[in-house]
Amino acid sequence: DDYFEIAVRKWTPFRNLRQEFITAVVRAIFMP
């Protein structure tokens, strides 16, 4: 349980940054 919780805390910020990055790329391509 502890390992899973640590993994979630470790990867969540990276996943959020990835989501924001994809959103920015989509906006740059489709909303010039």
PDB file of N, CA and C in Angstrom:
ATOM      1  N   ASP A   1       0.840  -1.198   0.000  1.00  0.00           N
ATOM      2  CA  ASP A   1       0.000   0.000   0.000  1.00  0.00           C
ATOM      3  C   ASP A   1       0.876   1.249   0.000  1.00  0.00           C
ATOM      4  N   ASP A   2       1.902   1.256   0.846  1.00  0.00           N
ATOM      5  CA  ASP A   2       2.765   2.429   0.914  1.00  0.00           C
ATOM      6  C   ASP A   2       3.463   2.663  -0.422  1.00  0.00           C
ATOM      7  N   TYR A   3       3.937   1.578  -1.040  1.00  0.00           N
ATOM      8  CA  TYR A   3       4.645   1.722  -2.309  1.00  0.00           C
ATOM      9  C   TYR A   3       3.727   2.307  -3.374  1.00  0.00           C
ATOM     10  N   PHE A   4       2.492   1.825  -3.407  1.00  0.00           N
ATOM     11  CA  PHE A   4       1.537   2.315  -4.399  1.00  0.00           C
ATOM     12  C   PHE A   4       1.260   3.806  -4.182  1.00  0.00           C
ATOM     13  N   GLU A   5       1.086   4.187  -2.920  1.00  0.00           N
ATOM     14  CA  GLU A   5       0.794   5.591  -2.603  1.00  0.00           C
ATOM     15  C   GLU A   5       1.955   6.486  -3.018  1.00  0.00           C
ATOM     16  N   ILE A   6       3.180   6.041  -2.738  1.00  0.00           N
ATOM     17  CA  ILE A   6       4.358   6.816  -3.116  1.00  0.00           C
ATOM     18  C   ILE A   6       4.440   6.937  -4.638  1.00  0.00           C
ATOM     19  N   ALA A   7       4.152   5.833  -5.325  1.00  0.00           N
ATOM     20  CA  ALA A   7       4.204   5.871  -6.787  1.00  0.00           C
ATOM     21  C   ALA A   7       3.183   6.854  -7.340  1.00  0.00           C
ATOM     22  N   VAL A   8       1.992   6.852  -6.767  1.00  0.00           N
ATOM     23  CA  VAL A   8       0.956   7.784  -7.236  1.00  0.00           C
ATOM     24  C   VAL A   8       1.400   9.225  -7.007  1.00  0.00           C
ATOM     25  N   ARG A   9       1.926   9.497  -5.821  1.00  0.00           N
ATOM     26  CA  ARG A   9       2.370  10.868  -5.526  1.00  0.00           C
ATOM     27  C   ARG A   9       3.518  11.280  -6.433  1.00  0.00           C
ATOM     28  N   LYS A  10       4.364  10.303  -6.787  1.00  0.00           N
ATOM     29  CA  LYS A  10       5.522  10.628  -7.607  1.00  0.00           C
ATOM     30  C   LYS A  10       5.131  10.913  -9.055  1.00  0.00           C
ATOM     31  N   TRP A  11       4.155  10.162  -9.588  1.00  0.00           N
ATOM     32  CA  TRP A  11       3.855  10.268 -11.013  1.00  0.00           C
ATOM     33  C   TRP A  11       2.739  11.238 -11.340  1.00  0.00           C
ATOM     34  N   THR A  12       1.896  11.567 -10.371  1.00  0.00           N
ATOM     35  CA  THR A  12       0.778  12.461 -10.665  1.00  0.00           C
ATOM     36  C   THR A  12       1.237  13.802 -11.245  1.00  0.00           C
ATOM     37  N   PRO A  13       2.251  14.475 -10.655  1.00  0.00           N
ATOM     38  CA  PRO A  13       2.673  15.761 -11.209  1.00  0.00           C
ATOM     39  C   PRO A  13       3.156  15.626 -12.654  1.00  0.00           C
ATOM     40  N   PHE A  14       3.865  14.545 -12.959  1.00  0.00           N
ATOM     41  CA  PHE A  14       4.357  14.361 -14.319  1.00  0.00           C
ATOM     42  C   PHE A  14       3.186  14.168 -15.269  1.00  0.00           C
ATOM     43  N   ARG A  15       2.179  13.446 -14.826  1.00  0.00           N
ATOM     44  CA  ARG A  15       1.011  13.217 -15.671  1.00  0.00           C
ATOM     45  C   ARG A  15       0.275  14.536 -15.916  1.00  0.00           C
ATOM     46  N   ASN A  16       0.200  15.378 -14.877  1.00  0.00           N
ATOM     47  CA  ASN A  16      -0.457  16.668 -15.041  1.00  0.00           C
ATOM     48  C   ASN A  16       0.316  17.541 -16.014  1.00  0.00           C
ATOM     49  N   LEU A  17       1.646  17.543 -15.895  1.00  0.00           N
ATOM     50  CA  LEU A  17       2.459  18.342 -16.814  1.00  0.00           C
ATOM     51  C   LEU A  17       2.286  17.839 -18.236  1.00  0.00           C
ATOM     52  N   ARG A  18       2.223  16.536 -18.407  1.00  0.00           N
ATOM     53  CA  ARG A  18       2.035  15.965 -19.734  1.00  0.00           C
ATOM     54  C   ARG A  18       0.692  16.397 -20.309  1.00  0.00           C
ATOM     55  N   GLN A  19      -0.356  16.381 -19.486  1.00  0.00           N
ATOM     56  CA  GLN A  19      -1.679  16.794 -19.948  1.00  0.00           C
ATOM     57  C   GLN A  19      -1.658  18.254 -20.380  1.00  0.00           C
ATOM     58  N   GLU A  20      -1.016  19.112 -19.589  1.00  0.00           N
ATOM     59  CA  GLU A  20      -0.935  20.529 -19.930  1.00  0.00           C
ATOM     60  C   GLU A  20      -0.133  20.715 -21.208  1.00  0.00           C
ATOM     61  N   PHE A  21       0.936  19.929 -21.379  1.00  0.00           N
ATOM     62  CA  PHE A  21       1.764  20.031 -22.574  1.00  0.00           C
ATOM     63  C   PHE A  21       0.970  19.650 -23.812  1.00  0.00           C
ATOM     64  N   ILE A  22       0.217  18.547 -23.730  1.00  0.00           N
ATOM     65  CA  ILE A  22      -0.593  18.113 -24.870  1.00  0.00           C
ATOM     66  C   ILE A  22      -1.643  19.177 -25.195  1.00  0.00           C
ATOM     67  N   THR A  23      -2.265  19.738 -24.156  1.00  0.00           N
ATOM     68  CA  THR A  23      -3.270  20.775 -24.381  1.00  0.00           C
ATOM     69  C   THR A  23      -2.654  21.980 -25.078  1.00  0.00           C
ATOM     70  N   ALA A  24      -1.456  22.386 -24.651  1.00  0.00           N
ATOM     71  CA  ALA A  24      -0.789  23.526 -25.261  1.00  0.00           C
ATOM     72  C   ALA A  24      -0.463  23.243 -26.726  1.00  0.00           C
ATOM     73  N   VAL A  25      -0.015  22.027 -27.019  1.00  0.00           N
ATOM     74  CA  VAL A  25       0.309  21.667 -28.401  1.00  0.00           C
ATOM     75  C   VAL A  25      -0.950  21.683 -29.262  1.00  0.00           C
ATOM     76  N   VAL A  26      -2.028  21.132 -28.735  1.00  0.00           N
ATOM     77  CA  VAL A  26      -3.289  21.111 -29.491  1.00  0.00           C
ATOM     78  C   VAL A  26      -3.748  22.537 -29.777  1.00  0.00           C
ATOM     79  N   ARG A  27      -3.660  23.405 -28.784  1.00  0.00           N
ATOM     80  CA  ARG A  27      -4.064  24.800 -28.993  1.00  0.00           C
ATOM     81  C   ARG A  27      -3.176  25.474 -30.027  1.00  0.00           C
ATOM     82  N   ALA A  28      -1.882  25.189 -29.980  1.00  0.00           N
ATOM     83  CA  ALA A  28      -0.953  25.811 -30.925  1.00  0.00           C
ATOM     84  C   ALA A  28      -1.251  25.370 -32.356  1.00  0.00           C
ATOM     85  N   ILE A  29      -1.678  24.109 -32.500  1.00  0.00           N
ATOM     86  CA  ILE A  29      -1.930  23.588 -33.848  1.00  0.00           C
ATOM     87  C   ILE A  29      -3.294  24.034 -34.371  1.00  0.00           C
ATOM     88  N   PHE A  30      -4.331  23.899 -33.548  1.00  0.00           N
ATOM     89  CA  PHE A  30      -5.689  24.146 -34.017  1.00  0.00           C
ATOM     90  C   PHE A  30      -6.181  25.563 -33.733  1.00  0.00           C
ATOM     91  N   MET A  31      -5.473  26.304 -32.872  1.00  0.00           N
ATOM     92  CA  MET A  31      -5.880  27.685 -32.570  1.00  0.00           C
ATOM     93  C   MET A  31      -4.702  28.623 -32.783  1.00  0.00           C
ATOM     94  N   PRO A  32      -4.363  28.895 -34.020  1.00  0.00           N
ATOM     95  CA  PRO A  32      -3.208  29.768 -34.297  1.00  0.00           C
ATOM     96  C   PRO A  32      -3.502  31.224 -33.930  1.00  0.00           C
TER      97      PRO A  32
END
